[in-house]
N, C-alpha and C. Protein backbone atom coordinates (compact mmCIF):
# COMPACT_ATOMS: atom_id res chain seq x y z
N MET A 1 13.91 -12.20 -6.79
CA MET A 1 12.47 -12.22 -6.87
C MET A 1 12.00 -10.85 -7.35
N SER A 2 11.20 -10.81 -8.38
CA SER A 2 10.72 -9.56 -8.95
C SER A 2 9.21 -9.49 -8.88
N PHE A 3 8.70 -8.28 -8.93
CA PHE A 3 7.26 -8.10 -8.99
C PHE A 3 6.82 -8.29 -10.42
N ALA A 4 5.74 -8.99 -10.62
CA ALA A 4 5.19 -9.21 -11.96
C ALA A 4 3.97 -8.33 -12.15
N VAL A 5 4.15 -7.04 -11.96
CA VAL A 5 3.05 -6.11 -12.07
C VAL A 5 3.37 -5.11 -13.16
N SER A 6 2.43 -4.93 -14.05
CA SER A 6 2.64 -3.95 -15.12
C SER A 6 1.36 -3.18 -15.35
N SER A 7 1.51 -2.06 -15.96
CA SER A 7 0.38 -1.25 -16.36
C SER A 7 0.35 -1.26 -17.87
N ASP A 8 -0.37 -2.24 -18.43
CA ASP A 8 -0.32 -2.42 -19.87
C ASP A 8 -1.62 -2.03 -20.57
N ASP A 9 -2.43 -1.20 -19.94
CA ASP A 9 -3.68 -0.77 -20.55
C ASP A 9 -3.38 0.38 -21.51
N SER A 10 -3.27 0.05 -22.78
CA SER A 10 -2.89 1.05 -23.78
C SER A 10 -4.02 2.03 -24.07
N SER A 11 -5.23 1.79 -23.54
CA SER A 11 -6.33 2.72 -23.76
C SER A 11 -6.20 3.96 -22.86
N LYS A 12 -5.34 3.91 -21.87
CA LYS A 12 -5.16 5.06 -20.98
C LYS A 12 -4.16 6.03 -21.60
N LYS A 13 -4.38 7.31 -21.34
CA LYS A 13 -3.44 8.30 -21.87
C LYS A 13 -2.10 8.20 -21.15
N HIS A 14 -1.06 8.56 -21.85
CA HIS A 14 0.29 8.50 -21.28
C HIS A 14 0.43 9.55 -20.19
N LEU A 15 1.09 9.17 -19.12
CA LEU A 15 1.34 10.07 -18.01
C LEU A 15 2.82 10.04 -17.70
N ASP A 16 3.44 11.20 -17.66
CA ASP A 16 4.85 11.29 -17.28
C ASP A 16 4.91 11.11 -15.76
N LEU A 17 5.27 9.90 -15.34
CA LEU A 17 5.28 9.59 -13.91
C LEU A 17 6.31 10.39 -13.13
N SER A 18 7.31 10.95 -13.82
CA SER A 18 8.29 11.78 -13.12
C SER A 18 7.65 13.08 -12.63
N SER A 19 6.46 13.41 -13.14
CA SER A 19 5.73 14.60 -12.69
C SER A 19 4.90 14.34 -11.44
N VAL A 20 4.78 13.07 -11.06
CA VAL A 20 3.98 12.71 -9.88
C VAL A 20 4.88 12.74 -8.65
N THR A 21 4.43 13.42 -7.62
CA THR A 21 5.15 13.42 -6.35
C THR A 21 4.26 12.77 -5.29
N ILE A 22 4.89 12.01 -4.41
CA ILE A 22 4.15 11.37 -3.31
C ILE A 22 4.69 11.93 -2.01
N LYS A 23 3.78 12.49 -1.23
CA LYS A 23 4.18 13.08 0.05
C LYS A 23 3.01 12.99 1.02
N PRO A 24 3.27 13.29 2.29
CA PRO A 24 2.18 13.23 3.27
C PRO A 24 1.03 14.15 2.87
N LEU A 25 -0.15 13.79 3.32
CA LEU A 25 -1.36 14.53 3.02
C LEU A 25 -1.21 16.01 3.34
N ASP A 26 -1.54 16.85 2.38
CA ASP A 26 -1.60 18.30 2.57
C ASP A 26 -3.08 18.64 2.79
N PRO A 27 -3.45 19.06 4.00
CA PRO A 27 -4.86 19.31 4.28
C PRO A 27 -5.48 20.43 3.43
N LYS A 28 -4.63 21.23 2.78
CA LYS A 28 -5.14 22.33 1.96
C LYS A 28 -5.55 21.88 0.56
N ILE A 29 -5.11 20.71 0.16
CA ILE A 29 -5.44 20.20 -1.17
C ILE A 29 -6.85 19.62 -1.15
N GLY A 30 -7.66 19.97 -2.13
CA GLY A 30 -9.03 19.48 -2.21
C GLY A 30 -9.09 17.98 -2.42
N ARG A 31 -10.04 17.35 -1.73
CA ARG A 31 -10.22 15.91 -1.86
C ARG A 31 -11.63 15.56 -2.32
N ALA A 32 -12.52 16.54 -2.39
CA ALA A 32 -13.94 16.27 -2.68
C ALA A 32 -14.16 15.64 -4.05
N ALA A 33 -13.35 15.93 -5.02
CA ALA A 33 -13.56 15.41 -6.38
C ALA A 33 -12.91 14.04 -6.60
N PHE A 34 -12.17 13.54 -5.61
CA PHE A 34 -11.48 12.26 -5.79
C PHE A 34 -12.50 11.14 -5.99
N CYS A 35 -12.28 10.32 -7.02
CA CYS A 35 -13.19 9.21 -7.29
C CYS A 35 -12.41 8.07 -7.96
N CYS A 36 -12.18 7.01 -7.19
CA CYS A 36 -11.48 5.84 -7.74
C CYS A 36 -12.46 4.76 -8.18
N GLY A 37 -13.74 4.95 -7.86
CA GLY A 37 -14.74 3.97 -8.25
C GLY A 37 -15.17 3.04 -7.13
N ASN A 38 -14.51 3.12 -5.97
CA ASN A 38 -14.91 2.32 -4.82
C ASN A 38 -15.39 3.29 -3.75
N GLU A 39 -16.66 3.20 -3.41
CA GLU A 39 -17.28 4.17 -2.49
C GLU A 39 -16.56 4.25 -1.14
N ARG A 40 -16.16 3.11 -0.61
CA ARG A 40 -15.51 3.10 0.70
C ARG A 40 -14.15 3.81 0.65
N ILE A 41 -13.39 3.55 -0.40
CA ILE A 41 -12.07 4.17 -0.54
C ILE A 41 -12.22 5.66 -0.81
N ASP A 42 -13.17 6.02 -1.68
CA ASP A 42 -13.43 7.44 -1.96
C ASP A 42 -13.87 8.17 -0.70
N ASN A 43 -14.80 7.58 0.04
CA ASN A 43 -15.33 8.21 1.25
C ASN A 43 -14.23 8.44 2.28
N PHE A 44 -13.35 7.46 2.48
CA PHE A 44 -12.28 7.65 3.45
C PHE A 44 -11.43 8.86 3.07
N PHE A 45 -11.03 8.94 1.81
CA PHE A 45 -10.15 10.03 1.39
C PHE A 45 -10.86 11.38 1.49
N ARG A 46 -12.08 11.43 1.03
CA ARG A 46 -12.82 12.70 1.04
C ARG A 46 -13.15 13.18 2.45
N ASN A 47 -13.59 12.26 3.32
CA ASN A 47 -14.20 12.65 4.59
C ASN A 47 -13.42 12.32 5.85
N ASN A 48 -12.47 11.40 5.78
CA ASN A 48 -11.81 10.95 7.01
C ASN A 48 -10.30 11.06 7.00
N ALA A 49 -9.69 11.10 5.85
CA ALA A 49 -8.22 11.05 5.77
C ALA A 49 -7.56 12.18 6.56
N ARG A 50 -8.05 13.37 6.39
CA ARG A 50 -7.43 14.51 7.08
C ARG A 50 -7.49 14.33 8.60
N ARG A 51 -8.66 14.03 9.12
CA ARG A 51 -8.85 13.88 10.57
C ARG A 51 -7.98 12.74 11.11
N GLN A 52 -8.00 11.60 10.43
CA GLN A 52 -7.20 10.44 10.86
C GLN A 52 -5.70 10.75 10.81
N HIS A 53 -5.28 11.44 9.76
CA HIS A 53 -3.86 11.80 9.60
C HIS A 53 -3.43 12.78 10.70
N GLU A 54 -4.21 13.80 10.91
CA GLU A 54 -3.86 14.82 11.90
C GLU A 54 -3.87 14.27 13.32
N ALA A 55 -4.68 13.27 13.58
CA ALA A 55 -4.75 12.65 14.91
C ALA A 55 -3.70 11.55 15.08
N ASN A 56 -2.85 11.37 14.09
CA ASN A 56 -1.80 10.34 14.10
C ASN A 56 -2.35 8.93 14.24
N ARG A 57 -3.58 8.72 13.77
CA ARG A 57 -4.14 7.36 13.76
C ARG A 57 -3.59 6.58 12.57
N VAL A 58 -3.35 7.28 11.47
CA VAL A 58 -2.77 6.71 10.26
C VAL A 58 -1.84 7.75 9.66
N ARG A 59 -0.99 7.34 8.75
CA ARG A 59 -0.19 8.29 7.97
C ARG A 59 -0.67 8.16 6.53
N VAL A 60 -1.23 9.23 6.01
CA VAL A 60 -1.77 9.25 4.65
C VAL A 60 -0.73 9.84 3.72
N TYR A 61 -0.46 9.12 2.64
CA TYR A 61 0.46 9.58 1.59
C TYR A 61 -0.33 9.76 0.31
N VAL A 62 -0.08 10.89 -0.36
CA VAL A 62 -0.87 11.26 -1.52
C VAL A 62 0.04 11.45 -2.73
N ALA A 63 -0.42 10.92 -3.87
CA ALA A 63 0.26 11.17 -5.15
C ALA A 63 -0.34 12.45 -5.72
N TYR A 64 0.53 13.44 -5.95
CA TYR A 64 0.08 14.72 -6.48
C TYR A 64 0.60 14.89 -7.91
N LEU A 65 -0.25 15.44 -8.76
CA LEU A 65 0.12 15.79 -10.13
C LEU A 65 -0.46 17.18 -10.38
N ASP A 66 0.42 18.10 -10.69
CA ASP A 66 -0.01 19.49 -10.93
C ASP A 66 -0.86 20.03 -9.78
N GLY A 67 -0.44 19.73 -8.54
CA GLY A 67 -1.13 20.24 -7.37
C GLY A 67 -2.46 19.56 -7.06
N ARG A 68 -2.76 18.48 -7.76
CA ARG A 68 -4.03 17.78 -7.57
C ARG A 68 -3.77 16.36 -7.08
N ALA A 69 -4.58 15.89 -6.14
CA ALA A 69 -4.46 14.52 -5.63
C ALA A 69 -4.96 13.55 -6.70
N VAL A 70 -4.09 12.62 -7.10
CA VAL A 70 -4.48 11.62 -8.11
C VAL A 70 -4.46 10.20 -7.54
N GLY A 71 -4.03 10.04 -6.29
CA GLY A 71 -4.04 8.74 -5.65
C GLY A 71 -3.58 8.88 -4.21
N TYR A 72 -3.81 7.85 -3.43
CA TYR A 72 -3.38 7.90 -2.04
C TYR A 72 -3.35 6.50 -1.45
N TYR A 73 -2.73 6.40 -0.30
CA TYR A 73 -2.79 5.21 0.55
C TYR A 73 -2.53 5.66 1.97
N TYR A 74 -2.78 4.77 2.92
CA TYR A 74 -2.36 5.08 4.28
C TYR A 74 -1.64 3.87 4.88
N LEU A 75 -0.80 4.16 5.87
CA LEU A 75 -0.09 3.13 6.63
C LEU A 75 -0.41 3.30 8.11
N VAL A 76 -0.44 2.16 8.80
CA VAL A 76 -0.65 2.16 10.25
C VAL A 76 0.03 0.92 10.82
N ALA A 77 0.52 1.01 12.03
CA ALA A 77 1.14 -0.14 12.68
C ALA A 77 0.06 -1.16 13.03
N SER A 78 0.44 -2.44 12.97
CA SER A 78 -0.50 -3.50 13.34
C SER A 78 0.27 -4.71 13.84
N THR A 79 -0.43 -5.64 14.44
CA THR A 79 0.17 -6.90 14.86
C THR A 79 -0.77 -8.05 14.50
N HIS A 80 -0.19 -9.21 14.36
CA HIS A 80 -0.97 -10.42 14.09
C HIS A 80 -0.39 -11.56 14.92
N PRO A 81 -1.21 -12.49 15.38
CA PRO A 81 -0.67 -13.68 16.06
C PRO A 81 0.24 -14.43 15.07
N PRO A 82 1.43 -14.82 15.49
CA PRO A 82 2.37 -15.47 14.57
C PRO A 82 1.80 -16.68 13.84
N GLU A 83 0.95 -17.44 14.52
CA GLU A 83 0.41 -18.65 13.88
C GLU A 83 -0.53 -18.33 12.72
N THR A 84 -0.99 -17.08 12.62
CA THR A 84 -1.85 -16.71 11.49
C THR A 84 -1.04 -16.18 10.31
N VAL A 85 0.27 -15.99 10.51
CA VAL A 85 1.09 -15.39 9.46
C VAL A 85 1.88 -16.45 8.70
N SER A 86 2.88 -17.04 9.34
CA SER A 86 3.72 -18.01 8.64
C SER A 86 4.56 -18.80 9.65
N LYS A 87 5.17 -19.87 9.17
CA LYS A 87 6.07 -20.64 10.03
C LYS A 87 7.25 -19.79 10.47
N GLU A 88 7.75 -18.97 9.56
CA GLU A 88 8.87 -18.09 9.91
C GLU A 88 8.46 -17.12 11.02
N ALA A 89 7.23 -16.58 10.94
CA ALA A 89 6.75 -15.66 11.98
C ALA A 89 6.64 -16.37 13.32
N ILE A 90 6.21 -17.62 13.30
CA ILE A 90 6.13 -18.40 14.55
C ILE A 90 7.52 -18.53 15.16
N GLU A 91 8.52 -18.85 14.32
CA GLU A 91 9.89 -19.00 14.81
C GLU A 91 10.42 -17.69 15.38
N LYS A 92 10.14 -16.58 14.70
CA LYS A 92 10.69 -15.29 15.11
C LYS A 92 9.91 -14.64 16.27
N PHE A 93 8.58 -14.82 16.29
CA PHE A 93 7.77 -14.05 17.23
C PHE A 93 6.87 -14.89 18.13
N GLY A 94 6.97 -16.20 18.05
CA GLY A 94 6.13 -17.07 18.86
C GLY A 94 6.27 -16.81 20.34
N ARG A 95 7.48 -16.48 20.77
CA ARG A 95 7.74 -16.23 22.19
C ARG A 95 6.94 -15.03 22.71
N VAL A 96 6.77 -14.01 21.87
CA VAL A 96 6.02 -12.82 22.30
C VAL A 96 4.58 -12.84 21.80
N ASN A 97 4.24 -13.83 20.98
CA ASN A 97 2.89 -14.04 20.46
C ASN A 97 2.32 -12.81 19.75
N SER A 98 3.18 -12.08 19.06
CA SER A 98 2.73 -10.89 18.33
C SER A 98 3.70 -10.63 17.19
N THR A 99 3.20 -10.63 15.97
CA THR A 99 4.03 -10.36 14.80
C THR A 99 3.86 -8.90 14.41
N PRO A 100 4.90 -8.08 14.52
CA PRO A 100 4.78 -6.66 14.18
C PRO A 100 4.72 -6.48 12.66
N CYS A 101 3.77 -5.66 12.23
CA CYS A 101 3.55 -5.43 10.80
C CYS A 101 3.21 -3.96 10.56
N VAL A 102 3.25 -3.59 9.30
CA VAL A 102 2.71 -2.31 8.85
C VAL A 102 1.52 -2.66 7.97
N TYR A 103 0.39 -2.01 8.22
CA TYR A 103 -0.83 -2.27 7.47
C TYR A 103 -1.01 -1.19 6.40
N LEU A 104 -1.17 -1.62 5.16
CA LEU A 104 -1.44 -0.72 4.03
C LEU A 104 -2.94 -0.68 3.82
N GLY A 105 -3.53 0.49 4.00
CA GLY A 105 -4.98 0.60 3.87
C GLY A 105 -5.40 1.57 2.80
N MET A 106 -6.56 1.32 2.28
CA MET A 106 -7.27 2.25 1.39
C MET A 106 -6.46 2.79 0.21
N ILE A 107 -5.67 2.00 -0.45
CA ILE A 107 -4.94 2.48 -1.61
C ILE A 107 -5.91 2.69 -2.77
N GLY A 108 -5.84 3.87 -3.40
CA GLY A 108 -6.75 4.17 -4.50
C GLY A 108 -6.15 5.18 -5.46
N VAL A 109 -6.56 5.08 -6.72
CA VAL A 109 -6.11 5.99 -7.77
C VAL A 109 -7.35 6.61 -8.41
N ASN A 110 -7.33 7.93 -8.59
CA ASN A 110 -8.44 8.62 -9.22
C ASN A 110 -8.72 8.00 -10.59
N GLY A 111 -9.99 7.89 -10.92
CA GLY A 111 -10.41 7.18 -12.14
C GLY A 111 -9.72 7.61 -13.41
N ASP A 112 -9.48 8.90 -13.59
CA ASP A 112 -8.86 9.35 -14.83
C ASP A 112 -7.36 9.06 -14.89
N HIS A 113 -6.78 8.48 -13.83
CA HIS A 113 -5.37 8.12 -13.84
C HIS A 113 -5.14 6.63 -13.60
N GLN A 114 -6.22 5.86 -13.54
CA GLN A 114 -6.08 4.42 -13.37
C GLN A 114 -5.45 3.82 -14.62
N GLY A 115 -4.54 2.88 -14.43
CA GLY A 115 -3.85 2.25 -15.55
C GLY A 115 -2.66 3.04 -16.07
N SER A 116 -2.33 4.15 -15.42
CA SER A 116 -1.24 5.01 -15.89
C SER A 116 0.08 4.75 -15.16
N GLY A 117 0.06 3.91 -14.12
CA GLY A 117 1.26 3.64 -13.34
C GLY A 117 1.27 4.32 -11.98
N VAL A 118 0.28 5.16 -11.69
CA VAL A 118 0.22 5.84 -10.39
C VAL A 118 0.05 4.82 -9.27
N GLY A 119 -0.77 3.82 -9.47
CA GLY A 119 -0.96 2.79 -8.45
C GLY A 119 0.32 2.05 -8.15
N ARG A 120 1.10 1.75 -9.19
CA ARG A 120 2.40 1.09 -9.02
C ARG A 120 3.33 1.98 -8.20
N LEU A 121 3.36 3.29 -8.52
CA LEU A 121 4.19 4.22 -7.74
C LEU A 121 3.78 4.23 -6.28
N LEU A 122 2.48 4.25 -6.03
CA LEU A 122 2.00 4.26 -4.65
C LEU A 122 2.40 2.98 -3.91
N MET A 123 2.27 1.83 -4.57
CA MET A 123 2.64 0.57 -3.92
C MET A 123 4.14 0.53 -3.62
N LEU A 124 4.96 0.93 -4.57
CA LEU A 124 6.41 0.95 -4.34
C LEU A 124 6.77 1.92 -3.22
N HIS A 125 6.10 3.06 -3.18
CA HIS A 125 6.33 4.04 -2.12
C HIS A 125 5.95 3.46 -0.76
N ALA A 126 4.81 2.77 -0.69
CA ALA A 126 4.38 2.16 0.57
C ALA A 126 5.38 1.10 1.02
N MET A 127 5.89 0.34 0.10
CA MET A 127 6.89 -0.68 0.45
C MET A 127 8.17 -0.05 0.95
N LYS A 128 8.58 1.02 0.29
CA LYS A 128 9.81 1.71 0.73
C LYS A 128 9.60 2.34 2.12
N LYS A 129 8.44 2.92 2.37
CA LYS A 129 8.14 3.48 3.69
C LYS A 129 8.14 2.38 4.75
N THR A 130 7.64 1.21 4.39
CA THR A 130 7.64 0.08 5.33
C THR A 130 9.07 -0.29 5.70
N LEU A 131 9.97 -0.29 4.74
CA LEU A 131 11.37 -0.57 5.03
C LEU A 131 11.98 0.51 5.92
N GLU A 132 11.58 1.76 5.72
CA GLU A 132 12.08 2.84 6.57
C GLU A 132 11.62 2.63 8.02
N VAL A 133 10.37 2.23 8.20
CA VAL A 133 9.86 1.92 9.54
C VAL A 133 10.67 0.77 10.15
N ALA A 134 10.93 -0.24 9.33
CA ALA A 134 11.67 -1.42 9.80
C ALA A 134 13.09 -1.08 10.22
N ASP A 135 13.64 0.01 9.70
CA ASP A 135 14.97 0.44 10.14
C ASP A 135 14.92 1.03 11.55
N LEU A 136 13.74 1.42 12.00
CA LEU A 136 13.59 2.04 13.32
C LEU A 136 13.04 1.08 14.37
N VAL A 137 12.13 0.20 13.97
CA VAL A 137 11.51 -0.75 14.90
C VAL A 137 11.35 -2.09 14.19
N GLY A 138 11.17 -3.14 14.95
CA GLY A 138 11.01 -4.46 14.36
C GLY A 138 9.71 -4.59 13.59
N ILE A 139 9.83 -5.01 12.33
CA ILE A 139 8.67 -5.23 11.46
C ILE A 139 8.92 -6.52 10.70
N TYR A 140 7.90 -7.34 10.57
CA TYR A 140 8.04 -8.59 9.81
C TYR A 140 7.49 -8.47 8.39
N ALA A 141 6.35 -7.76 8.23
CA ALA A 141 5.68 -7.77 6.93
C ALA A 141 4.84 -6.52 6.72
N LEU A 142 4.51 -6.31 5.46
CA LEU A 142 3.50 -5.33 5.06
C LEU A 142 2.22 -6.13 4.83
N THR A 143 1.12 -5.68 5.43
CA THR A 143 -0.15 -6.40 5.32
C THR A 143 -1.20 -5.51 4.67
N LEU A 144 -2.26 -6.13 4.19
CA LEU A 144 -3.38 -5.40 3.62
C LEU A 144 -4.59 -6.32 3.58
N THR A 145 -5.72 -5.73 3.30
CA THR A 145 -6.95 -6.49 3.07
C THR A 145 -7.46 -6.10 1.70
N ALA A 146 -7.50 -7.05 0.77
CA ALA A 146 -8.02 -6.78 -0.57
C ALA A 146 -9.53 -6.55 -0.49
N ILE A 147 -10.07 -5.72 -1.36
CA ILE A 147 -11.50 -5.42 -1.32
C ILE A 147 -12.34 -6.54 -1.92
N ASP A 148 -11.72 -7.38 -2.76
CA ASP A 148 -12.43 -8.52 -3.34
C ASP A 148 -11.40 -9.51 -3.89
N GLN A 149 -11.88 -10.65 -4.35
CA GLN A 149 -10.96 -11.70 -4.81
C GLN A 149 -10.16 -11.28 -6.03
N SER A 150 -10.76 -10.51 -6.92
CA SER A 150 -10.06 -10.02 -8.11
C SER A 150 -8.87 -9.14 -7.71
N THR A 151 -9.09 -8.27 -6.74
CA THR A 151 -8.02 -7.41 -6.25
C THR A 151 -6.96 -8.24 -5.53
N ALA A 152 -7.38 -9.27 -4.81
CA ALA A 152 -6.42 -10.15 -4.14
C ALA A 152 -5.50 -10.81 -5.17
N GLU A 153 -6.04 -11.20 -6.31
CA GLU A 153 -5.22 -11.80 -7.37
C GLU A 153 -4.19 -10.79 -7.88
N ARG A 154 -4.58 -9.54 -7.98
CA ARG A 154 -3.63 -8.50 -8.40
C ARG A 154 -2.52 -8.33 -7.37
N TYR A 155 -2.87 -8.38 -6.08
CA TYR A 155 -1.85 -8.24 -5.03
C TYR A 155 -0.90 -9.44 -5.02
N LYS A 156 -1.37 -10.58 -5.42
CA LYS A 156 -0.48 -11.75 -5.50
C LYS A 156 0.65 -11.50 -6.49
N ARG A 157 0.40 -10.69 -7.53
CA ARG A 157 1.47 -10.35 -8.48
C ARG A 157 2.54 -9.46 -7.84
N TRP A 158 2.20 -8.85 -6.70
CA TRP A 158 3.16 -8.08 -5.90
C TRP A 158 3.80 -8.98 -4.84
N ASN A 159 3.55 -10.27 -4.91
CA ASN A 159 4.07 -11.27 -3.98
C ASN A 159 3.42 -11.25 -2.61
N PHE A 160 2.23 -10.66 -2.50
CA PHE A 160 1.44 -10.79 -1.29
C PHE A 160 0.86 -12.20 -1.28
N VAL A 161 0.76 -12.78 -0.10
CA VAL A 161 0.13 -14.09 0.05
C VAL A 161 -0.97 -13.98 1.10
N PRO A 162 -2.04 -14.75 0.92
CA PRO A 162 -3.11 -14.69 1.91
C PRO A 162 -2.67 -15.32 3.23
N PHE A 163 -3.18 -14.78 4.34
CA PHE A 163 -2.91 -15.40 5.64
C PHE A 163 -3.42 -16.83 5.62
N SER A 164 -4.61 -17.03 5.05
CA SER A 164 -5.18 -18.36 4.85
C SER A 164 -5.72 -18.40 3.43
N GLU A 165 -5.58 -19.54 2.78
CA GLU A 165 -6.00 -19.67 1.39
C GLU A 165 -7.44 -19.20 1.20
N GLY A 166 -7.64 -18.36 0.19
CA GLY A 166 -8.97 -17.86 -0.14
C GLY A 166 -9.38 -16.61 0.62
N GLU A 167 -8.61 -16.21 1.63
CA GLU A 167 -8.95 -15.01 2.40
C GLU A 167 -8.43 -13.75 1.72
N LEU A 168 -8.97 -12.62 2.10
CA LEU A 168 -8.58 -11.35 1.53
C LEU A 168 -7.51 -10.64 2.33
N ASP A 169 -7.25 -11.09 3.58
CA ASP A 169 -6.15 -10.54 4.37
C ASP A 169 -4.86 -11.15 3.86
N MET A 170 -3.88 -10.29 3.53
CA MET A 170 -2.65 -10.75 2.87
C MET A 170 -1.44 -10.08 3.47
N PHE A 171 -0.25 -10.67 3.21
CA PHE A 171 1.00 -10.08 3.68
C PHE A 171 2.12 -10.36 2.69
N VAL A 172 3.15 -9.52 2.77
CA VAL A 172 4.39 -9.76 2.05
C VAL A 172 5.53 -9.49 3.04
N PRO A 173 6.39 -10.48 3.29
CA PRO A 173 7.48 -10.30 4.25
C PRO A 173 8.49 -9.26 3.78
N LEU A 174 9.17 -8.64 4.74
CA LEU A 174 10.18 -7.64 4.41
C LEU A 174 11.29 -8.20 3.54
N THR A 175 11.67 -9.45 3.77
CA THR A 175 12.74 -10.03 2.94
C THR A 175 12.34 -10.03 1.47
N THR A 176 11.08 -10.28 1.18
CA THR A 176 10.60 -10.26 -0.20
C THR A 176 10.58 -8.85 -0.74
N ILE A 177 10.13 -7.89 0.07
CA ILE A 177 10.11 -6.49 -0.35
C ILE A 177 11.52 -6.01 -0.66
N LYS A 178 12.46 -6.29 0.23
CA LYS A 178 13.84 -5.84 0.02
C LYS A 178 14.42 -6.38 -1.28
N GLN A 179 14.22 -7.66 -1.52
CA GLN A 179 14.76 -8.26 -2.73
C GLN A 179 14.12 -7.67 -3.98
N ALA A 180 12.82 -7.51 -3.95
CA ALA A 180 12.12 -6.98 -5.12
C ALA A 180 12.49 -5.52 -5.39
N LEU A 181 12.60 -4.70 -4.35
CA LEU A 181 12.99 -3.30 -4.55
C LEU A 181 14.43 -3.20 -5.01
N THR A 182 15.28 -4.11 -4.55
CA THR A 182 16.66 -4.16 -5.03
C THR A 182 16.68 -4.53 -6.51
N ASP A 183 15.91 -5.56 -6.87
CA ASP A 183 15.83 -5.97 -8.28
C ASP A 183 15.30 -4.87 -9.17
N ALA A 184 14.39 -4.04 -8.64
CA ALA A 184 13.80 -2.94 -9.40
C ALA A 184 14.69 -1.70 -9.44
N GLY A 185 15.85 -1.76 -8.74
CA GLY A 185 16.77 -0.63 -8.73
C GLY A 185 16.36 0.50 -7.81
N ILE A 186 15.46 0.22 -6.90
CA ILE A 186 14.98 1.26 -5.98
C ILE A 186 15.84 1.33 -4.72
N LEU A 187 16.42 0.19 -4.35
CA LEU A 187 17.32 0.17 -3.17
C LEU A 187 18.76 0.09 -3.62
């Protein structure tokens, strides 16, 4: 199973993705100029990411290029009732009535780097981090909430599925992530 996600917008300038590094939030790096075009995502990164990260409420990961933040996402532990996830989750976690997950929140790419592949790097990094967490504690899936239906359709190309048809809350099981990262040569 492979991801069917590409960055084929030829109107964007070429970016050498090997120059992009993704690491935990550096509180010394400026965030005030970050603008992905979504006010909620921009506001979180500019005004809340540092405080939330330092308080261990979330783990913020930032894509840096030439010492500048060009994208970010955060991860946090979450649970869902098994019956809201899948039949497999019911079989695995019905007894404890809690499906352990990692929640991917607020993923965004600065406007001047959208369509360059930075978003793809961030998603792959988040998936790899989810697998690292799963090596330490039980995790069933990576979850997220799409900001709108158009974005949900884009996440479906990453093999995310809605908890319920038409909803914006989505998940991708670890088995799917492992296979896709293996196919992509990342694992």
